[in-house]
Amino acid sequence: MQLTKVFIVKLALWCGLIALLTATGPATAEELKELNFGIISTESTTGLKKSFEPWLAAMSKAIDIPVKGFYAPDYAGVIETMRFNKVHLAWYGNKSAMEAVQRANGEICAQTVDAEGNPGYWSLIVAHRDSDLNSVDDIIAAGKSLNFGNGDPNSTSGYLIPTYYVWSKRGIDSNTHFGKVRSANHETNLMAVATKQVDFATNNTESLRLLEQKDPEMFKKIKILWQSPLIPSDPLVWRKDLSREMKAKIKGFLLSCGRFGPNAEEERKILAATSSGWAPFNDARMGMRTAAFARRK
């Protein structure tokens, strides 16, 4: 029943995406009257909206046009919507950012910064606290007897990093090595582990920290089996064909938000309240190093 509800919600979101993509007359850079900001599906749309709407409202005020959040059912939805010029600026993970650069006329313009001062974040493999699994070796040995909660195929921490560091280096195809494999966002995978719907799952330190804040009892049911090397913080990507004036407004807001002006303290609180827990952004030069890392992996 729970999986059926998830399917229905995802289908409804995709119907909305199709309607948006097929709408007539995409605005040119000069005619842009509203900025659509794409937000990758790391958790439920309800949770993402609650955490991002205050920040989008602050951006709207700063750049003098409405900024609307676009919440796709998966990472690919944000990439494709940017490709059709219906999303103009987006928050991506490293892997999905490179897809947007290559396929959606994207360009990295800023890099997120962790509110707790971490230089990035870490991919994880997690299991239930009561599980007999205590290491990657235990997972591999159990093989077909286990159900695996994998991440979105365009997720850096949920898919790319564990695929490279955990499975590929051991010559394992995770799609065939385990009994059942399902892909979901970070929040869904954590809940699936905590409620024993899957035996283990990929995740990351940001989502685990968010779970600890939102649901401490569920957090106590999770244990970490593996942690990756450091992953650089996520980039923001805009479409290359935005007007010079619009890019200047966006960049001015991103680099000043939480740093300067009478509202800096309140803006830092708004940034920290986003689902990934942000601090004031870094400029695109940091983002380019992020892109290089993603391409190497």
C-alpha atoms as a PDB file:
ATOM      1  CA  MET A   1       0.000   0.000   0.000  1.00  0.00           C
ATOM      2  CA  GLN A   2       2.793   2.400   0.906  1.00  0.00           C
ATOM      3  CA  LEU A   3       4.650   1.740  -2.366  1.00  0.00           C
ATOM      4  CA  THR A   4       1.383   2.260  -4.308  1.00  0.00           C
ATOM      5  CA  LYS A   5       0.927   5.679  -2.691  1.00  0.00           C
ATOM      6  CA  VAL A   6       4.520   6.606  -3.550  1.00  0.00           C
ATOM      7  CA  PHE A   7       3.906   5.571  -7.181  1.00  0.00           C
ATOM      8  CA  ILE A   8       0.723   7.645  -7.407  1.00  0.00           C
ATOM      9  CA  VAL A   9       2.445  10.727  -5.983  1.00  0.00           C
ATOM     10  CA  LYS A  10       5.396  10.296  -8.364  1.00  0.00           C
ATOM     11  CA  LEU A  11       3.054   9.828 -11.330  1.00  0.00           C
ATOM     12  CA  ALA A  12       1.192  13.017 -10.432  1.00  0.00           C
ATOM     13  CA  LEU A  13       4.458  14.957 -10.191  1.00  0.00           C
ATOM     14  CA  TRP A  14       5.576  13.650 -13.585  1.00  0.00           C
ATOM     15  CA  CYS A  15       2.248  14.690 -15.116  1.00  0.00           C
ATOM     16  CA  GLY A  16       2.899  18.201 -13.812  1.00  0.00           C
ATOM     17  CA  LEU A  17       6.402  18.094 -15.284  1.00  0.00           C
ATOM     18  CA  ILE A  18       5.094  17.052 -18.705  1.00  0.00           C
ATOM     19  CA  ALA A  19       2.537  19.853 -18.641  1.00  0.00           C
ATOM     20  CA  LEU A  20       5.260  22.356 -17.799  1.00  0.00           C
ATOM     21  CA  LEU A  21       7.578  21.110 -20.549  1.00  0.00           C
ATOM     22  CA  THR A  22       4.888  21.239 -23.206  1.00  0.00           C
ATOM     23  CA  ALA A  23       3.644  24.710 -22.342  1.00  0.00           C
ATOM     24  CA  THR A  24       3.979  27.140 -25.248  1.00  0.00           C
ATOM     25  CA  GLY A  25       6.482  29.916 -25.648  1.00  0.00           C
ATOM     26  CA  PRO A  26       9.513  29.662 -23.316  1.00  0.00           C
ATOM     27  CA  ALA A  27      10.593  33.099 -22.166  1.00  0.00           C
ATOM     28  CA  THR A  28      13.806  34.412 -23.658  1.00  0.00           C
ATOM     29  CA  ALA A  29      16.500  35.873 -21.422  1.00  0.00           C
ATOM     30  CA  GLU A  30      15.262  39.421 -22.080  1.00  0.00           C
ATOM     31  CA  GLU A  31      11.580  38.560 -21.487  1.00  0.00           C
ATOM     32  CA  LEU A  32      12.051  36.669 -18.227  1.00  0.00           C
ATOM     33  CA  LYS A  33       9.372  37.798 -15.808  1.00  0.00           C
ATOM     34  CA  GLU A  34       9.628  34.891 -13.386  1.00  0.00           C
ATOM     35  CA  LEU A  35      12.595  32.756 -12.347  1.00  0.00           C
ATOM     36  CA  ASN A  36      12.055  29.027 -11.829  1.00  0.00           C
ATOM     37  CA  PHE A  37      14.451  27.450  -9.337  1.00  0.00           C
ATOM     38  CA  GLY A  38      14.891  23.667  -9.616  1.00  0.00           C
ATOM     39  CA  ILE A  39      15.270  21.627  -6.441  1.00  0.00           C
ATOM     40  CA  ILE A  40      16.496  18.034  -6.582  1.00  0.00           C
ATOM     41  CA  SER A  41      14.402  15.349  -4.932  1.00  0.00           C
ATOM     42  CA  THR A  42      16.338  14.520  -1.765  1.00  0.00           C
ATOM     43  CA  GLU A  43      13.172  14.208   0.333  1.00  0.00           C
ATOM     44  CA  SER A  44       9.399  14.666   0.042  1.00  0.00           C
ATOM     45  CA  THR A  45       8.123  17.679  -1.896  1.00  0.00           C
ATOM     46  CA  THR A  46       6.311  18.865   1.234  1.00  0.00           C
ATOM     47  CA  GLY A  47       9.542  18.883   3.239  1.00  0.00           C
ATOM     48  CA  LEU A  48      11.494  20.589   0.468  1.00  0.00           C
ATOM     49  CA  LYS A  49       8.885  23.319   0.039  1.00  0.00           C
ATOM     50  CA  LYS A  50       8.808  24.037   3.758  1.00  0.00           C
ATOM     51  CA  SER A  51      12.578  24.411   3.921  1.00  0.00           C
ATOM     52  CA  PHE A  52      13.144  26.316   0.658  1.00  0.00           C
ATOM     53  CA  GLU A  53      10.204  28.722   0.308  1.00  0.00           C
ATOM     54  CA  PRO A  54      11.592  31.362   2.754  1.00  0.00           C
ATOM     55  CA  TRP A  55      14.883  31.436   0.839  1.00  0.00           C
ATOM     56  CA  LEU A  56      13.109  31.673  -2.518  1.00  0.00           C
ATOM     57  CA  ALA A  57      11.065  34.573  -1.145  1.00  0.00           C
ATOM     58  CA  ALA A  58      14.276  36.356  -0.137  1.00  0.00           C
ATOM     59  CA  MET A  59      15.668  35.854  -3.641  1.00  0.00           C
ATOM     60  CA  SER A  60      12.451  37.172  -5.205  1.00  0.00           C
ATOM     61  CA  LYS A  61      12.798  40.383  -3.243  1.00  0.00           C
ATOM     62  CA  ALA A  62      16.468  40.768  -4.109  1.00  0.00           C
ATOM     63  CA  ILE A  63      16.212  40.237  -7.893  1.00  0.00           C
ATOM     64  CA  ASP A  64      12.866  42.040  -8.347  1.00  0.00           C
ATOM     65  CA  ILE A  65      10.956  39.202 -10.023  1.00  0.00           C
ATOM     66  CA  PRO A  66       9.054  36.241  -8.546  1.00  0.00           C
ATOM     67  CA  VAL A  67      11.169  33.132  -7.891  1.00  0.00           C
ATOM     68  CA  LYS A  68       9.196  29.895  -7.958  1.00  0.00           C
ATOM     69  CA  GLY A  69      10.441  26.529  -6.733  1.00  0.00           C
ATOM     70  CA  PHE A  70      10.244  23.588  -9.129  1.00  0.00           C
ATOM     71  CA  TYR A  71      10.090  20.197  -7.413  1.00  0.00           C
ATOM     72  CA  ALA A  72      10.525  17.215  -9.736  1.00  0.00           C
ATOM     73  CA  PRO A  73       9.932  13.596  -8.682  1.00  0.00           C
ATOM     74  CA  ASP A  74      13.598  12.767  -9.349  1.00  0.00           C
ATOM     75  CA  TYR A  75      16.902  14.399 -10.305  1.00  0.00           C
ATOM     76  CA  ALA A  76      16.379  13.806 -14.030  1.00  0.00           C
ATOM     77  CA  GLY A  77      13.211  15.902 -13.908  1.00  0.00           C
ATOM     78  CA  VAL A  78      15.164  19.024 -12.912  1.00  0.00           C
ATOM     79  CA  ILE A  79      17.801  18.394 -15.598  1.00  0.00           C
ATOM     80  CA  GLU A  80      15.212  17.893 -18.336  1.00  0.00           C
ATOM     81  CA  THR A  81      13.181  20.911 -17.274  1.00  0.00           C
ATOM     82  CA  MET A  82      16.296  23.067 -17.437  1.00  0.00           C
ATOM     83  CA  ARG A  83      17.043  21.598 -20.872  1.00  0.00           C
ATOM     84  CA  PHE A  84      13.644  22.851 -22.066  1.00  0.00           C
ATOM     85  CA  ASN A  85      14.347  26.303 -20.576  1.00  0.00           C
ATOM     86  CA  LYS A  86      11.588  25.985 -17.972  1.00  0.00           C
ATOM     87  CA  VAL A  87      14.026  25.979 -15.057  1.00  0.00           C
ATOM     88  CA  HIS A  88      16.565  28.807 -15.096  1.00  0.00           C
ATOM     89  CA  LEU A  89      18.587  28.151 -11.943  1.00  0.00           C
ATOM     90  CA  ALA A  90      18.850  24.951  -9.903  1.00  0.00           C
ATOM     91  CA  TRP A  91      20.429  23.220  -6.954  1.00  0.00           C
ATOM     92  CA  TYR A  92      22.080  19.981  -8.070  1.00  0.00           C
ATOM     93  CA  GLY A  93      24.351  17.329  -6.695  1.00  0.00           C
ATOM     94  CA  ASN A  94      27.755  17.026  -8.357  1.00  0.00           C
ATOM     95  CA  LYS A  95      26.766  14.302 -10.823  1.00  0.00           C
ATOM     96  CA  SER A  96      23.463  15.904 -11.816  1.00  0.00           C
ATOM     97  CA  ALA A  97      25.216  19.279 -12.172  1.00  0.00           C
ATOM     98  CA  MET A  98      27.551  17.807 -14.759  1.00  0.00           C
ATOM     99  CA  GLU A  99      24.551  16.333 -16.588  1.00  0.00           C
ATOM    100  CA  ALA A 100      22.952  19.798 -16.615  1.00  0.00           C
ATOM    101  CA  VAL A 101      26.167  21.363 -17.933  1.00  0.00           C
ATOM    102  CA  GLN A 102      26.468  18.774 -20.691  1.00  0.00           C
ATOM    103  CA  ARG A 103      22.809  18.393 -21.674  1.00  0.00           C
ATOM    104  CA  ALA A 104      20.821  21.399 -20.462  1.00  0.00           C
ATOM    105  CA  ASN A 105      22.915  24.450 -21.431  1.00  0.00           C
ATOM    106  CA  GLY A 106      23.899  24.785 -17.783  1.00  0.00           C
ATOM    107  CA  GLU A 107      26.787  26.625 -16.195  1.00  0.00           C
ATOM    108  CA  ILE A 108      27.969  26.382 -12.576  1.00  0.00           C
ATOM    109  CA  CYS A 109      27.547  29.750 -10.886  1.00  0.00           C
ATOM    110  CA  ALA A 110      28.004  29.086  -7.168  1.00  0.00           C
ATOM    111  CA  GLN A 111      28.769  26.396  -4.636  1.00  0.00           C
ATOM    112  CA  THR A 112      26.816  25.638  -1.502  1.00  0.00           C
ATOM    113  CA  VAL A 113      28.548  25.733   1.883  1.00  0.00           C
ATOM    114  CA  ASP A 114      27.670  23.579   4.875  1.00  0.00           C
ATOM    115  CA  ALA A 115      26.150  25.535   7.781  1.00  0.00           C
ATOM    116  CA  GLU A 116      28.168  23.509  10.293  1.00  0.00           C
ATOM    117  CA  GLY A 117      31.456  24.390   8.626  1.00  0.00           C
ATOM    118  CA  ASN A 118      32.110  21.026   6.978  1.00  0.00           C
ATOM    119  CA  PRO A 119      34.160  21.287   3.754  1.00  0.00           C
ATOM    120  CA  GLY A 120      31.640  19.027   2.017  1.00  0.00           C
ATOM    121  CA  TYR A 121      29.658  15.925   2.892  1.00  0.00           C
ATOM    122  CA  TRP A 122      30.017  12.147   2.838  1.00  0.00           C
ATOM    123  CA  SER A 123      28.203   9.290   1.152  1.00  0.00           C
ATOM    124  CA  LEU A 124      27.039   6.533   3.510  1.00  0.00           C
ATOM    125  CA  ILE A 125      25.790   2.980   3.534  1.00  0.00           C
ATOM    126  CA  VAL A 126      23.418   2.467   6.451  1.00  0.00           C
ATOM    127  CA  ALA A 127      21.491  -0.378   8.056  1.00  0.00           C
ATOM    128  CA  HIS A 128      19.060  -0.810  10.932  1.00  0.00           C
ATOM    129  CA  ARG A 129      20.622  -0.556  14.387  1.00  0.00           C
ATOM    130  CA  ASP A 130      19.534  -4.137  15.207  1.00  0.00           C
ATOM    131  CA  SER A 131      20.872  -5.620  11.974  1.00  0.00           C
ATOM    132  CA  ASP A 132      23.579  -8.299  11.986  1.00  0.00           C
ATOM    133  CA  LEU A 133      25.245  -6.336   9.176  1.00  0.00           C
ATOM    134  CA  ASN A 134      28.255  -4.383  10.422  1.00  0.00           C
ATOM    135  CA  SER A 135      30.428  -3.829   7.332  1.00  0.00           C
ATOM    136  CA  VAL A 136      30.490  -3.847   3.554  1.00  0.00           C
ATOM    137  CA  ASP A 137      32.021  -7.326   3.717  1.00  0.00           C
ATOM    138  CA  ASP A 138      28.938  -8.532   5.618  1.00  0.00           C
ATOM    139  CA  ILE A 139      26.668  -7.057   2.932  1.00  0.00           C
ATOM    140  CA  ILE A 140      28.592  -8.671   0.086  1.00  0.00           C
ATOM    141  CA  ALA A 141      28.674 -12.056   1.840  1.00  0.00           C
ATOM    142  CA  ALA A 142      24.905 -12.020   2.411  1.00  0.00           C
ATOM    143  CA  GLY A 143      24.265 -11.151  -1.261  1.00  0.00           C
ATOM    144  CA  LYS A 144      20.932 -12.435  -2.578  1.00  0.00           C
ATOM    145  CA  SER A 145      19.370 -12.610   0.876  1.00  0.00           C
ATOM    146  CA  LEU A 146      19.385  -8.810   1.182  1.00  0.00           C
ATOM    147  CA  ASN A 147      17.141  -6.044  -0.121  1.00  0.00           C
ATOM    148  CA  PHE A 148      19.100  -2.939  -1.163  1.00  0.00           C
ATOM    149  CA  GLY A 149      17.818   0.649  -1.165  1.00  0.00           C
ATOM    150  CA  ASN A 150      19.909   2.365  -3.855  1.00  0.00           C
ATOM    151  CA  GLY A 151      19.868   6.103  -4.568  1.00  0.00           C
ATOM    152  CA  ASP A 152      18.607   8.107  -7.522  1.00  0.00           C
ATOM    153  CA  PRO A 153      20.811   7.285 -10.572  1.00  0.00           C
ATOM    154  CA  ASN A 154      21.727  10.995 -10.835  1.00  0.00           C
ATOM    155  CA  SER A 155      22.638  11.321  -7.154  1.00  0.00           C
ATOM    156  CA  THR A 156      26.312  11.724  -6.324  1.00  0.00           C
ATOM    157  CA  SER A 157      26.199  10.411  -2.754  1.00  0.00           C
ATOM    158  CA  GLY A 158      23.277   8.036  -3.230  1.00  0.00           C
ATOM    159  CA  TYR A 159      24.524   6.364  -6.399  1.00  0.00           C
ATOM    160  CA  LEU A 160      27.742   7.537  -8.077  1.00  0.00           C
ATOM    161  CA  ILE A 161      30.113   7.452  -5.108  1.00  0.00           C
ATOM    162  CA  PRO A 162      29.013   4.108  -3.618  1.00  0.00           C
ATOM    163  CA  THR A 163      28.915   2.564  -7.101  1.00  0.00           C
ATOM    164  CA  TYR A 164      32.534   3.581  -7.662  1.00  0.00           C
ATOM    165  CA  TYR A 165      34.060   3.071  -4.216  1.00  0.00           C
ATOM    166  CA  VAL A 166      32.042   0.116  -2.922  1.00  0.00           C
ATOM    167  CA  TRP A 167      30.810  -1.971  -5.846  1.00  0.00           C
ATOM    168  CA  SER A 168      33.034  -1.269  -8.884  1.00  0.00           C
ATOM    169  CA  LYS A 169      36.278  -1.575  -6.939  1.00  0.00           C
ATOM    170  CA  ARG A 170      35.155  -5.042  -5.854  1.00  0.00           C
ATOM    171  CA  GLY A 171      33.931  -6.052  -9.305  1.00  0.00           C
ATOM    172  CA  ILE A 172      30.305  -6.235  -8.130  1.00  0.00           C
ATOM    173  CA  ASP A 173      27.157  -5.315 -10.044  1.00  0.00           C
ATOM    174  CA  SER A 174      24.823  -4.218  -7.267  1.00  0.00           C
ATOM    175  CA  ASN A 175      21.776  -4.687  -9.519  1.00  0.00           C
ATOM    176  CA  THR A 176      22.348  -8.434  -9.720  1.00  0.00           C
ATOM    177  CA  HIS A 177      24.338  -9.235  -6.565  1.00  0.00           C
ATOM    178  CA  PHE A 178      21.462  -8.568  -4.144  1.00  0.00           C
ATOM    179  CA  GLY A 179      17.985 -10.027  -3.897  1.00  0.00           C
ATOM    180  CA  LYS A 180      15.938  -6.898  -4.594  1.00  0.00           C
ATOM    181  CA  VAL A 181      17.156  -3.417  -5.498  1.00  0.00           C
ATOM    182  CA  ARG A 182      14.984  -0.311  -5.489  1.00  0.00           C
ATOM    183  CA  SER A 183      15.941   3.314  -6.099  1.00  0.00           C
ATOM    184  CA  ALA A 184      14.590   6.186  -4.000  1.00  0.00           C
ATOM    185  CA  ASN A 185      15.554   9.564  -2.552  1.00  0.00           C
ATOM    186  CA  HIS A 186      17.604   9.907   0.622  1.00  0.00           C
ATOM    187  CA  GLU A 187      14.658  10.457   2.964  1.00  0.00           C
ATOM    188  CA  THR A 188      12.744   7.457   1.612  1.00  0.00           C
ATOM    189  CA  ASN A 189      15.792   5.213   1.912  1.00  0.00           C
ATOM    190  CA  LEU A 190      16.394   6.229   5.520  1.00  0.00           C
ATOM    191  CA  MET A 191      12.771   5.508   6.397  1.00  0.00           C
ATOM    192  CA  ALA A 192      12.972   2.163   4.594  1.00  0.00           C
ATOM    193  CA  VAL A 193      16.009   1.162   6.664  1.00  0.00           C
ATOM    194  CA  ALA A 194      14.510   2.415   9.935  1.00  0.00           C
ATOM    195  CA  THR A 195      11.292   0.462   9.319  1.00  0.00           C
ATOM    196  CA  LYS A 196      13.144  -2.626   7.989  1.00  0.00           C
ATOM    197  CA  GLN A 197      11.637  -2.439   4.504  1.00  0.00           C
ATOM    198  CA  VAL A 198      15.167  -2.799   3.109  1.00  0.00           C
ATOM    199  CA  ASP A 199      18.214  -4.345   4.752  1.00  0.00           C
ATOM    200  CA  PHE A 200      20.614  -1.565   3.852  1.00  0.00           C
ATOM    201  CA  ALA A 201      20.685   1.603   1.745  1.00  0.00           C
ATOM    202  CA  THR A 202      22.873   4.383   0.437  1.00  0.00           C
ATOM    203  CA  ASN A 203      22.593   7.845   1.954  1.00  0.00           C
ATOM    204  CA  ASN A 204      24.672  10.820   3.032  1.00  0.00           C
ATOM    205  CA  THR A 205      25.651  12.751   6.144  1.00  0.00           C
ATOM    206  CA  GLU A 206      23.428  15.737   5.307  1.00  0.00           C
ATOM    207  CA  SER A 207      20.261  13.650   5.133  1.00  0.00           C
ATOM    208  CA  LEU A 208      21.188  11.740   8.262  1.00  0.00           C
ATOM    209  CA  ARG A 209      21.703  15.013  10.127  1.00  0.00           C
ATOM    210  CA  LEU A 210      18.310  16.238   8.893  1.00  0.00           C
ATOM    211  CA  LEU A 211      16.663  13.027  10.155  1.00  0.00           C
ATOM    212  CA  GLU A 212      18.264  13.523  13.563  1.00  0.00           C
ATOM    213  CA  GLN A 213      16.737  17.010  13.744  1.00  0.00           C
ATOM    214  CA  LYS A 214      13.286  16.020  12.465  1.00  0.00           C
ATOM    215  CA  ASP A 215      12.819  12.575  14.025  1.00  0.00           C
ATOM    216  CA  PRO A 216      15.373  11.675  16.724  1.00  0.00           C
ATOM    217  CA  GLU A 217      13.672   8.321  17.438  1.00  0.00           C
ATOM    218  CA  MET A 218      13.981   7.199  13.811  1.00  0.00           C
ATOM    219  CA  PHE A 219      17.565   8.453  13.767  1.00  0.00           C
ATOM    220  CA  LYS A 220      18.415   6.130  16.663  1.00  0.00           C
ATOM    221  CA  LYS A 221      17.410   3.152  14.530  1.00  0.00           C
ATOM    222  CA  ILE A 222      20.137   3.841  11.938  1.00  0.00           C
ATOM    223  CA  LYS A 223      23.755   2.738  12.002  1.00  0.00           C
ATOM    224  CA  ILE A 224      26.530   3.558   9.537  1.00  0.00           C
ATOM    225  CA  LEU A 225      28.331   0.671   7.850  1.00  0.00           C
ATOM    226  CA  TRP A 226      30.524   2.658   5.447  1.00  0.00           C
ATOM    227  CA  GLN A 227      31.508   6.287   4.862  1.00  0.00           C
ATOM    228  CA  SER A 228      33.057   7.641   1.660  1.00  0.00           C
ATOM    229  CA  PRO A 229      35.904  10.066   1.141  1.00  0.00           C
ATOM    230  CA  LEU A 230      34.854  13.721   1.286  1.00  0.00           C
ATOM    231  CA  ILE A 231      32.505  14.928  -1.472  1.00  0.00           C
ATOM    232  CA  PRO A 232      32.715  18.656  -2.356  1.00  0.00           C
ATOM    233  CA  SER A 233      29.585  20.652  -1.568  1.00  0.00           C
ATOM    234  CA  ASP A 234      26.793  20.857  -4.139  1.00  0.00           C
ATOM    235  CA  PRO A 235      26.786  23.454  -6.945  1.00  0.00           C
ATOM    236  CA  LEU A 236      24.110  25.841  -8.169  1.00  0.00           C
ATOM    237  CA  VAL A 237      23.727  25.911 -11.956  1.00  0.00           C
ATOM    238  CA  TRP A 238      22.055  28.522 -14.149  1.00  0.00           C
ATOM    239  CA  ARG A 239      21.288  28.447 -17.845  1.00  0.00           C
ATOM    240  CA  LYS A 240      24.053  30.024 -19.914  1.00  0.00           C
ATOM    241  CA  ASP A 241      21.566  32.045 -21.940  1.00  0.00           C
ATOM    242  CA  LEU A 242      20.210  34.075 -19.036  1.00  0.00           C
ATOM    243  CA  SER A 243      20.763  37.752 -19.710  1.00  0.00           C
ATOM    244  CA  ARG A 244      23.866  39.432 -18.347  1.00  0.00           C
ATOM    245  CA  GLU A 245      21.669  41.646 -16.175  1.00  0.00           C
ATOM    246  CA  MET A 246      19.801  38.689 -14.672  1.00  0.00           C
ATOM    247  CA  LYS A 247      23.025  36.804 -13.996  1.00  0.00           C
ATOM    248  CA  ALA A 248      24.414  39.871 -12.212  1.00  0.00           C
ATOM    249  CA  LYS A 249      21.294  40.105 -10.024  1.00  0.00           C
ATOM    250  CA  ILE A 250      21.384  36.403  -9.173  1.00  0.00           C
ATOM    251  CA  LYS A 251      25.108  36.367  -8.450  1.00  0.00           C
ATOM    252  CA  GLY A 252      24.789  39.518  -6.339  1.00  0.00           C
ATOM    253  CA  PHE A 253      22.098  37.875  -4.244  1.00  0.00           C
ATOM    254  CA  LEU A 254      23.891  34.539  -3.878  1.00  0.00           C
ATOM    255  CA  LEU A 255      27.194  36.034  -2.752  1.00  0.00           C
ATOM    256  CA  SER A 256      25.669  38.630  -0.411  1.00  0.00           C
ATOM    257  CA  CYS A 257      22.918  36.485   1.137  1.00  0.00           C
ATOM    258  CA  GLY A 258      23.795  35.957   4.788  1.00  0.00           C
ATOM    259  CA  ARG A 259      26.960  38.041   4.511  1.00  0.00           C
ATOM    260  CA  PHE A 260      26.044  41.719   4.118  1.00  0.00           C
ATOM    261  CA  GLY A 261      23.269  44.121   4.935  1.00  0.00           C
ATOM    262  CA  PRO A 262      20.756  44.566   7.762  1.00  0.00           C
ATOM    263  CA  ASN A 263      19.094  41.183   7.087  1.00  0.00           C
ATOM    264  CA  ALA A 264      22.296  39.094   7.063  1.00  0.00           C
ATOM    265  CA  GLU A 265      21.591  37.352  10.365  1.00  0.00           C
ATOM    266  CA  GLU A 266      18.044  36.416   9.366  1.00  0.00           C
ATOM    267  CA  GLU A 267      19.280  35.240   5.961  1.00  0.00           C
ATOM    268  CA  ARG A 268      21.828  32.942   7.608  1.00  0.00           C
ATOM    269  CA  LYS A 269      18.985  31.364   9.594  1.00  0.00           C
ATOM    270  CA  ILE A 270      16.967  30.895   6.402  1.00  0.00           C
ATOM    271  CA  LEU A 271      19.944  29.285   4.647  1.00  0.00           C
ATOM    272  CA  ALA A 272      20.606  26.984   7.597  1.00  0.00           C
ATOM    273  CA  ALA A 273      16.950  25.891   7.590  1.00  0.00           C
ATOM    274  CA  THR A 274      17.099  24.543   4.013  1.00  0.00           C
ATOM    275  CA  SER A 275      17.057  20.764   3.780  1.00  0.00           C
ATOM    276  CA  SER A 276      20.837  20.545   3.311  1.00  0.00           C
ATOM    277  CA  GLY A 277      21.648  23.185   5.934  1.00  0.00           C
ATOM    278  CA  TRP A 278      23.485  25.899   4.017  1.00  0.00           C
ATOM    279  CA  ALA A 279      25.768  28.772   4.958  1.00  0.00           C
ATOM    280  CA  PRO A 280      26.505  31.733   2.590  1.00  0.00           C
ATOM    281  CA  PHE A 281      27.561  30.507  -0.860  1.00  0.00           C
ATOM    282  CA  ASN A 282      30.969  30.418  -2.471  1.00  0.00           C
ATOM    283  CA  ASP A 283      31.589  31.737  -5.979  1.00  0.00           C
ATOM    284  CA  ALA A 284      31.653  29.581  -9.117  1.00  0.00           C
ATOM    285  CA  ARG A 285      35.397  28.986  -8.955  1.00  0.00           C
ATOM    286  CA  MET A 286      34.764  26.586  -6.086  1.00  0.00           C
ATOM    287  CA  GLY A 287      31.968  25.059  -8.134  1.00  0.00           C
ATOM    288  CA  MET A 288      34.308  24.381 -11.041  1.00  0.00           C
ATOM    289  CA  ARG A 289      36.510  22.294  -8.751  1.00  0.00           C
ATOM    290  CA  THR A 290      33.381  20.403  -7.740  1.00  0.00           C
ATOM    291  CA  ALA A 291      32.620  19.742 -11.408  1.00  0.00           C
ATOM    292  CA  ALA A 292      36.139  18.481 -12.035  1.00  0.00           C
ATOM    293  CA  PHE A 293      35.793  16.062  -9.108  1.00  0.00           C
ATOM    294  CA  ALA A 294      32.488  14.728 -10.447  1.00  0.00           C
ATOM    295  CA  ARG A 295      33.935  14.237 -13.934  1.00  0.00           C
ATOM    296  CA  ARG A 296      36.942  12.294 -12.618  1.00  0.00           C
ATOM    297  CA  LYS A 297      34.645   9.934 -10.749  1.00  0.00           C
END
